[in-house]
Each structure stands twice: as structure tokens, then as C-alpha cells.
């Protein structure tokens, strides 16, 4: 009998064993917000307390045959879980399913995981969010305020009508830390990265939004001399990477010596599944860390959005990454 595969996830910046805890949750409340956002409150279906988490954490939700990740929008311990779901017309069905949910519906969710944690030092924090990327930053802002830590939050949206959580941002006890920027607004209120990055005096930068915003903020920060260790980001949607490694290759299972061929049009995870070898899967895009697997030898082509350069020397994401060498030996 084959030995059970080792499973890994990226937690912050450290790869540790993955333990998936699935919970049946009930939809407790739903509020429409912005043009296409629903704010959904969740409670344990059996009345128990939901697991605690830290600001920046997300949960996986089984949504209409898909598994999707949603950031938790409030500090832990405040009346169950809350997520914000943007209706994406181009999605594969997850957001549409969530927008059809009703109060009382039961959902299968994971325990919380945090790949986007706040640094533990007391230095000032700069938070920049775009669109639905505001969701983890809401929990961060609330936590920083409760802990008496210095921060400022910048929220960018196409327009006031398209923005979500505006009422909360404007009524929060930390509202004077918030700066709003709308694409259709007056020039004076638009986000000037050069000004904010220099003026803020922050030690840590956190950004979450579309890839264009994330890249612009991170590039500007690096250009302004920010240390890489001070930059923290999370993508809520991944753009398909440009892949140079498209030829078939082999993966070898270190625990058994078994060799499996990965075809041109399938992922490593799919090839493993064809042979009855499972890895934990969630996003399928290299943005959640659920499937991170150790690599013993061979050179991966990394198509993920979460691993650091150091982690890429020994790990990869079988949901989306491939190989630059004819064979990868996997720590499975």
C-alpha cells in the first residue's frame, strides 16, 4: 500500500503541515453592498463557537461545486464569521452561487488560515486595498486600532457606488485613519503612491487588490527603497501565468519510487489524481497555498503567487506549476 502523501501549506512565510478542518456553517445574515457585493455573516450550524483567527485570515467555502477563498472582514470573536463576495460575471460559478445563497442555508467551510498576517512589531502600518481587496484590510485596521498600533488605510475603487463597506469605513472608530480614492473623483483625492509611500513613515506595507494595483504599489515601494521584508500582499484573483514549460515531464513519488507522466494540458495535481494520489486542492491558481508540496530534486517552473524565493528552492504548487527539468522528485 502506498504511504499517505505529506501535505503542506504556506502559512505566512513558513511551509508547515496542512490540516484541513471542515465545518458546517449556517448563513446568518446577508446585506447587499456596493454595485455587486454581498456581505455574508456565518455561524456554526450546531451553535458552537467558530475557530479563532488572526487578521488577514481567510476561509475556504464550497460554493456550487467549486472551492473559493474569502477573507474574514472583522477581528476574531465578533459575532461569527463575515465575508464579502463580489459577483464576478466571468467567474467559474463560485460567486454566482454565493449571491444566490439565502439566510438559513448551510455551507461547508474550512477552518481559518492566514497567509497574509500582520507583522508582530509595533511599527506603523500602511494598508492599501482595491475593490473587494478591502476585505482582509478591514480586519487588519480593526485589530491595529484595538491594539493601539499606528496605521493608515487607503481604499481605491472605480466609483463611490462600486465601493463596498463604505458605511463601515466611514463609521468605524478608526475612520480618521481612512483615505478614500475613486477613479471618477476629483484629481486631488486620487492616490499618489509616491507621496503616500514616503509620507506615511510606515514600517510595513500591506496591499490587496487586482494584480494591476498590487504590482503598481509593490513596484513603487521597491523604487522608493522599501525593504522586501516590509512588503506584504495578497491576490484575490490570479492572472494566468505565461508558461514556458509546456512539454510533458515526469514526477517521481519519493516514498515509493513511482514515476508518473504529466501531460501538456494537465496539472501535476491532475496527473497525480489519475493515479490515485491526492494532494489538498482549493484555489487551483497558486494563490492559497493549500497544495504546497516539497520538491527533493529537479527544477520546477513556478506559476504560483505565494511562495518566497527561499521556499521555491524546496517547494512548489502542483495545482499550477510545472517543471523545467525532465523529472521532479516530490516529497510525497
Protein backbone atom coordinates (compact mmCIF):
# COMPACT_ATOMS: atom_id res chain seq x y z
CA UNK A 1 0.00 0.00 0.00
CA UNK A 2 1.29 3.46 -0.84
CA UNK A 3 2.27 5.65 2.10
CA UNK A 4 -0.12 8.57 2.61
CA UNK A 5 1.21 11.74 0.95
CA UNK A 6 2.66 14.53 3.05
CA UNK A 7 0.67 17.70 2.66
CA UNK A 8 1.92 21.23 3.10
CA UNK A 9 0.63 24.74 3.10
CA UNK A 10 2.27 28.13 3.22
CA UNK A 11 1.39 29.86 6.49
CA UNK A 12 2.66 33.42 6.32
CA UNK A 13 6.14 32.74 5.02
CA UNK A 14 6.78 29.31 6.55
CA UNK A 15 5.77 25.99 5.00
CA UNK A 16 4.11 23.75 7.60
CA UNK A 17 1.93 20.58 7.51
CA UNK A 18 -1.62 21.25 6.34
CA UNK A 19 -4.55 20.18 8.49
CA UNK A 20 -7.93 20.88 6.90
CA UNK A 21 -10.85 21.24 9.30
CA UNK A 22 -14.23 21.32 7.57
CA UNK A 23 -17.17 22.90 9.34
CA UNK A 24 -20.86 23.09 8.52
CA UNK A 25 -21.85 26.76 8.78
CA UNK A 26 -25.23 28.47 8.51
CA UNK A 27 -25.83 31.72 6.67
CA UNK A 28 -26.92 34.04 9.48
CA UNK A 29 -27.36 37.30 7.58
CA UNK A 30 -26.90 38.84 4.15
CA UNK A 31 -26.50 42.50 3.24
CA UNK A 32 -26.22 43.93 -0.26
CA UNK A 33 -23.44 46.49 -0.58
CA UNK A 34 -21.94 48.43 -3.46
CA UNK A 35 -22.83 47.50 -7.03
CA UNK A 36 -22.20 43.75 -6.85
CA UNK A 37 -21.14 42.83 -3.33
CA UNK A 38 -22.92 40.74 -0.72
CA UNK A 39 -21.76 40.79 2.88
CA UNK A 40 -22.49 37.36 4.34
CA UNK A 41 -22.43 36.50 8.04
CA UNK A 42 -21.82 32.87 9.01
CA UNK A 43 -22.37 30.95 12.25
CA UNK A 44 -21.68 27.36 13.27
CA UNK A 45 -24.62 25.16 12.24
CA UNK A 46 -24.60 23.43 15.65
CA UNK A 47 -24.36 26.62 17.67
CA UNK A 48 -20.72 26.17 18.65
CA UNK A 49 -18.12 28.93 18.59
CA UNK A 50 -16.23 29.10 15.31
CA UNK A 51 -12.42 28.74 15.50
CA UNK A 52 -10.48 31.89 16.32
CA UNK A 53 -8.23 33.53 13.73
CA UNK A 54 -5.87 36.46 13.24
CA UNK A 55 -6.38 39.49 11.00
CA UNK A 56 -5.69 38.71 7.34
CA UNK A 57 -7.06 35.16 7.56
CA UNK A 58 -9.42 33.57 5.04
CA UNK A 59 -11.71 30.56 4.86
CA UNK A 60 -12.39 28.14 2.01
CA UNK A 61 -16.05 27.79 1.04
CA UNK A 62 -17.61 25.00 -1.01
CA UNK A 63 -19.66 27.03 -3.46
CA UNK A 64 -21.66 25.29 -6.16
CA UNK A 65 -19.13 22.58 -6.92
CA UNK A 66 -16.16 24.92 -6.51
CA UNK A 67 -13.96 25.83 -3.56
CA UNK A 68 -13.36 29.54 -3.16
CA UNK A 69 -11.35 31.62 -0.69
CA UNK A 70 -12.90 34.58 1.14
CA UNK A 71 -11.13 36.85 3.60
CA UNK A 72 -12.64 37.35 7.04
CA UNK A 73 -13.57 41.01 7.37
CA UNK A 74 -13.56 41.57 11.13
CA UNK A 75 -11.28 40.88 14.10
CA UNK A 76 -11.79 37.42 15.57
CA UNK A 77 -14.52 36.92 18.14
CA UNK A 78 -17.06 39.40 16.76
CA UNK A 79 -20.35 37.55 16.12
CA UNK A 80 -19.21 34.63 13.96
CA UNK A 81 -17.53 34.96 10.58
CA UNK A 82 -18.18 37.59 7.92
CA UNK A 83 -17.09 37.59 4.28
CA UNK A 84 -17.63 39.92 1.34
CA UNK A 85 -18.41 38.34 -2.05
CA UNK A 86 -18.12 40.27 -5.31
CA UNK A 87 -20.30 38.93 -8.13
CA UNK A 88 -17.84 38.24 -10.95
CA UNK A 89 -19.63 37.85 -14.25
CA UNK A 90 -16.61 35.99 -15.63
CA UNK A 91 -16.25 33.60 -12.71
CA UNK A 92 -16.48 29.80 -12.87
CA UNK A 93 -19.59 29.80 -10.70
CA UNK A 94 -18.45 30.36 -7.13
CA UNK A 95 -19.51 33.98 -6.71
CA UNK A 96 -22.80 33.38 -8.55
CA UNK A 97 -23.59 30.54 -6.14
CA UNK A 98 -22.79 32.73 -3.15
CA UNK A 99 -25.02 35.52 -4.48
CA UNK A 100 -27.92 33.05 -4.63
CA UNK A 101 -27.48 31.94 -1.01
CA UNK A 102 -30.26 32.68 1.46
CA UNK A 103 -30.34 33.15 5.22
CA UNK A 104 -30.53 29.70 6.79
CA UNK A 105 -28.62 27.91 4.02
CA UNK A 106 -25.88 25.53 5.12
CA UNK A 107 -22.37 25.84 3.69
CA UNK A 108 -19.27 23.70 4.12
CA UNK A 109 -16.33 25.87 5.12
CA UNK A 110 -12.76 25.29 6.24
CA UNK A 111 -11.21 26.48 9.42
CA UNK A 112 -9.42 29.82 9.01
CA UNK A 113 -5.94 30.00 7.52
CA UNK A 114 -3.69 33.05 7.39
CA UNK A 115 -1.26 33.61 4.51
CA UNK A 116 -1.42 37.40 4.97
CA UNK A 117 -0.70 38.06 8.65
CA UNK A 118 0.15 41.32 10.37
CA UNK A 119 3.75 41.69 11.46
CA UNK A 120 4.13 41.46 15.21
CA UNK A 121 6.32 44.51 15.76
CA UNK A 122 4.75 47.83 16.75
CA UNK A 123 5.89 49.87 13.75
CA UNK A 124 3.39 51.96 11.78
CA UNK A 125 1.44 50.10 9.06
CA UNK A 126 0.29 51.31 5.65
CA UNK A 127 -2.76 49.44 4.28
CA UNK A 128 -3.78 49.81 0.60
CA UNK A 129 -6.82 48.00 -0.80
CA UNK A 130 -8.54 47.96 -4.18
CA UNK A 131 -12.13 46.86 -4.82
CA UNK A 132 -13.08 43.70 -2.95
CA UNK A 133 -9.45 43.53 -1.79
CA UNK A 134 -10.54 45.76 1.09
CA UNK A 135 -11.89 42.72 2.96
CA UNK A 136 -8.75 41.49 4.81
CA UNK A 137 -7.67 45.08 5.45
CA UNK A 138 -10.87 45.76 7.40
CA UNK A 139 -9.90 43.10 9.94
CA UNK A 140 -6.34 44.43 10.00
CA UNK A 141 -7.47 48.00 10.63
CA UNK A 142 -9.77 46.93 13.45
CA UNK A 143 -7.04 44.85 15.05
CA UNK A 144 -4.41 47.58 14.77
CA UNK A 145 -6.82 50.10 16.30
CA UNK A 146 -7.78 47.77 19.16
CA UNK A 147 -4.09 47.16 19.90
CA UNK A 148 -3.26 50.87 19.84
CA UNK A 149 -0.93 50.49 16.87
CA UNK A 150 -0.39 53.28 14.33
CA UNK A 151 -1.71 52.84 10.77
CA UNK A 152 -3.40 54.45 7.80
CA UNK A 153 -5.74 52.78 5.31
CA UNK A 154 -6.17 53.78 1.66
CA UNK A 155 -9.12 52.31 -0.26
CA UNK A 156 -9.32 52.58 -4.07
CA UNK A 157 -12.44 51.90 -6.15
CA UNK A 158 -13.80 52.78 -9.57
CA UNK A 159 -16.52 54.95 -8.03
CA UNK A 160 -18.33 55.50 -4.74
CA UNK A 161 -21.25 53.39 -5.98
CA UNK A 162 -18.92 50.50 -6.83
CA UNK A 163 -17.13 50.57 -3.47
CA UNK A 164 -18.03 48.13 -0.71
CA UNK A 165 -18.01 48.58 3.07
CA UNK A 166 -18.06 52.39 2.75
CA UNK A 167 -20.56 52.78 5.56
CA UNK A 168 -18.34 50.75 7.88
CA UNK A 169 -15.21 52.64 6.85
CA UNK A 170 -16.87 55.98 7.49
CA UNK A 171 -18.48 54.99 10.81
CA UNK A 172 -15.61 52.98 12.31
CA UNK A 173 -13.93 54.33 15.46
CA UNK A 174 -10.80 54.46 13.31
CA UNK A 175 -12.46 56.40 10.44
CA UNK A 176 -9.91 59.20 10.72
CA UNK A 177 -7.26 56.69 9.60
CA UNK A 178 -9.13 56.07 6.31
CA UNK A 179 -8.48 57.74 2.94
CA UNK A 180 -10.84 57.07 0.01
CA UNK A 181 -9.77 57.26 -3.64
CA UNK A 182 -12.24 56.97 -6.54
CA UNK A 183 -11.27 56.76 -10.20
CA UNK A 184 -14.11 59.09 -11.18
CA UNK A 185 -13.45 61.57 -8.37
CA UNK A 186 -11.62 64.89 -8.32
CA UNK A 187 -7.90 64.81 -9.06
CA UNK A 188 -7.00 65.89 -5.54
CA UNK A 189 -8.40 62.74 -3.91
CA UNK A 190 -6.67 60.23 -6.17
CA UNK A 191 -3.98 58.01 -4.70
CA UNK A 192 -0.44 59.30 -5.15
CA UNK A 193 1.77 56.32 -4.37
CA UNK A 194 4.95 58.37 -4.36
CA UNK A 195 3.51 60.74 -1.76
CA UNK A 196 1.91 58.08 0.44
CA UNK A 197 4.89 55.73 0.47
CA UNK A 198 7.26 58.49 1.56
CA UNK A 199 4.93 60.48 3.84
CA UNK A 200 3.41 57.60 5.80
CA UNK A 201 6.53 56.79 7.80
CA UNK A 202 5.29 53.19 7.89
CA UNK A 203 7.45 50.17 8.63
CA UNK A 204 5.13 47.67 6.95
CA UNK A 205 3.06 47.87 3.76
CA UNK A 206 0.02 45.62 3.17
CA UNK A 207 -1.73 45.63 -0.22
CA UNK A 208 -4.63 43.55 -1.52
CA UNK A 209 -6.44 44.10 -4.78
CA UNK A 210 -6.34 43.42 -8.51
CA UNK A 211 -2.94 42.39 -9.86
CA UNK A 212 -2.51 45.79 -11.54
CA UNK A 213 -2.87 47.62 -8.22
CA UNK A 214 -0.72 45.14 -6.33
CA UNK A 215 2.07 45.35 -8.90
CA UNK A 216 1.94 49.15 -9.08
CA UNK A 217 2.10 49.52 -5.29
CA UNK A 218 4.88 46.98 -4.82
CA UNK A 219 6.96 48.36 -7.71
CA UNK A 220 6.60 51.89 -6.36
CA UNK A 221 7.56 50.74 -2.86
CA UNK A 222 10.67 48.96 -4.11
CA UNK A 223 11.56 52.00 -6.16
CA UNK A 224 11.23 54.14 -3.03
CA UNK A 225 13.67 51.90 -1.18
CA UNK A 226 11.32 49.78 0.91
CA UNK A 227 12.91 46.56 2.18
CA UNK A 228 11.39 43.37 0.77
CA UNK A 229 10.70 42.09 4.29
CA UNK A 230 8.40 45.10 4.84
CA UNK A 231 6.18 44.29 1.84
CA UNK A 232 3.12 42.09 2.35
CA UNK A 233 0.48 41.36 -0.28
CA UNK A 234 -2.38 39.09 -1.17
CA UNK A 235 -4.01 38.47 -4.54
CA UNK A 236 -7.72 37.69 -4.61
CA UNK A 237 -7.60 36.57 -8.25
CA UNK A 238 -4.72 35.25 -10.28
CA UNK A 239 -3.97 36.12 -13.89
CA UNK A 240 -2.96 33.08 -15.96
CA UNK A 241 0.85 33.00 -15.98
CA UNK A 242 2.85 32.91 -19.18
CA UNK A 243 4.23 29.38 -19.19
CA UNK A 244 7.43 28.44 -20.93
CA UNK A 245 7.44 24.82 -19.71
CA UNK A 246 4.70 23.10 -21.73
CA UNK A 247 6.35 19.80 -22.65
CA UNK A 248 5.36 16.59 -20.83
CA UNK A 249 7.58 15.68 -17.88
CA UNK A 250 7.75 13.12 -15.09
CA UNK A 251 7.16 13.32 -11.36
CA UNK A 252 8.55 10.66 -9.06
CA UNK A 253 6.99 9.89 -5.68
CA UNK A 254 9.90 9.77 -3.23
CA UNK A 255 8.19 7.42 -0.75
CA UNK A 256 7.51 4.69 -3.35
CA UNK A 257 9.71 5.45 -6.36
CA UNK A 258 6.64 5.52 -8.59
CA UNK A 259 7.00 7.61 -11.75
CA UNK A 260 4.04 9.44 -13.33
CA UNK A 261 3.97 11.37 -16.61
CA UNK A 262 2.38 14.83 -16.59
CA UNK A 263 0.89 15.70 -19.98
CA UNK A 264 0.96 19.01 -21.84
CA UNK A 265 -2.57 20.01 -20.86
CA UNK A 266 -2.85 18.76 -17.30
CA UNK A 267 -1.56 19.90 -13.94
CA UNK A 268 0.69 17.84 -11.69
CA UNK A 269 -2.25 17.56 -9.29
CA UNK A 270 -4.46 16.17 -12.08
CA UNK A 271 -1.79 13.65 -13.11
CA UNK A 272 -1.37 12.51 -9.51
CA UNK A 273 -5.15 12.18 -9.11
CA UNK A 274 -5.33 9.95 -12.21
CA UNK A 275 -3.10 7.53 -10.33
CA UNK A 276 -4.96 7.75 -7.03
CA UNK A 277 -2.53 10.10 -5.31
CA UNK A 278 -4.28 13.05 -3.71
CA UNK A 279 -2.99 16.45 -2.68
CA UNK A 280 -5.08 19.10 -0.97
CA UNK A 281 -6.57 21.44 -3.54
CA UNK A 282 -8.51 24.65 -3.10
CA UNK A 283 -8.00 27.61 -5.43
CA UNK A 284 -6.29 25.79 -8.34
CA UNK A 285 -4.46 29.03 -9.18
CA UNK A 286 -1.49 29.11 -6.82
CA UNK A 287 -2.87 31.81 -4.54
CA UNK A 288 -3.98 29.91 -1.42
CA UNK A 289 -1.14 27.54 -0.52
CA UNK A 290 -3.34 24.52 0.18
CA UNK A 291 -1.45 22.18 -2.16
CA UNK A 292 2.15 23.25 -1.48
CA UNK A 293 4.37 20.17 -1.81
CA UNK A 294 8.05 19.52 -1.13
CA UNK A 295 10.49 19.05 -4.04
CA UNK A 296 13.53 16.83 -3.42
CA UNK A 297 15.20 17.17 -6.82
CA UNK A 298 14.55 18.68 -10.22
CA UNK A 299 13.76 22.29 -11.14
CA UNK A 300 10.13 23.46 -11.05
CA UNK A 301 8.68 26.23 -13.18
CA UNK A 302 6.83 28.21 -10.52
CA UNK A 303 3.49 29.70 -11.53
CA UNK A 304 2.20 30.47 -8.04
CA UNK A 305 1.71 33.81 -6.30
CA UNK A 306 2.62 32.91 -2.72
CA UNK A 307 6.00 31.20 -2.31
CA UNK A 308 9.10 33.20 -1.49
CA UNK A 309 12.35 32.69 -3.40
CA UNK A 310 13.72 30.66 -0.49
CA UNK A 311 10.62 28.45 -0.37
CA UNK A 312 10.81 27.90 -4.13
CA UNK A 313 14.13 26.13 -3.66
CA UNK A 314 12.33 23.28 -1.88
CA UNK A 315 8.58 23.53 -2.57
CA UNK A 316 6.11 24.10 -5.38
CA UNK A 317 2.37 24.21 -6.10
CA UNK A 318 1.18 21.14 -8.05
CA UNK A 319 -2.12 22.83 -8.91
CA UNK A 320 -0.48 25.20 -11.41
CA UNK A 321 3.33 24.85 -11.54
CA UNK A 322 5.24 22.60 -13.90
CA UNK A 323 8.87 21.52 -14.46
CA UNK A 324 11.91 22.89 -16.29
CA UNK A 325 13.72 19.56 -15.98
CA UNK A 326 12.57 16.16 -17.33
CA UNK A 327 11.73 14.94 -13.83
CA UNK A 328 10.72 16.29 -10.41
CA UNK A 329 11.09 14.11 -7.32
CA UNK A 330 8.31 15.06 -4.93
CA UNK A 331 8.28 14.65 -1.15
CA UNK A 332 5.13 12.56 -1.21
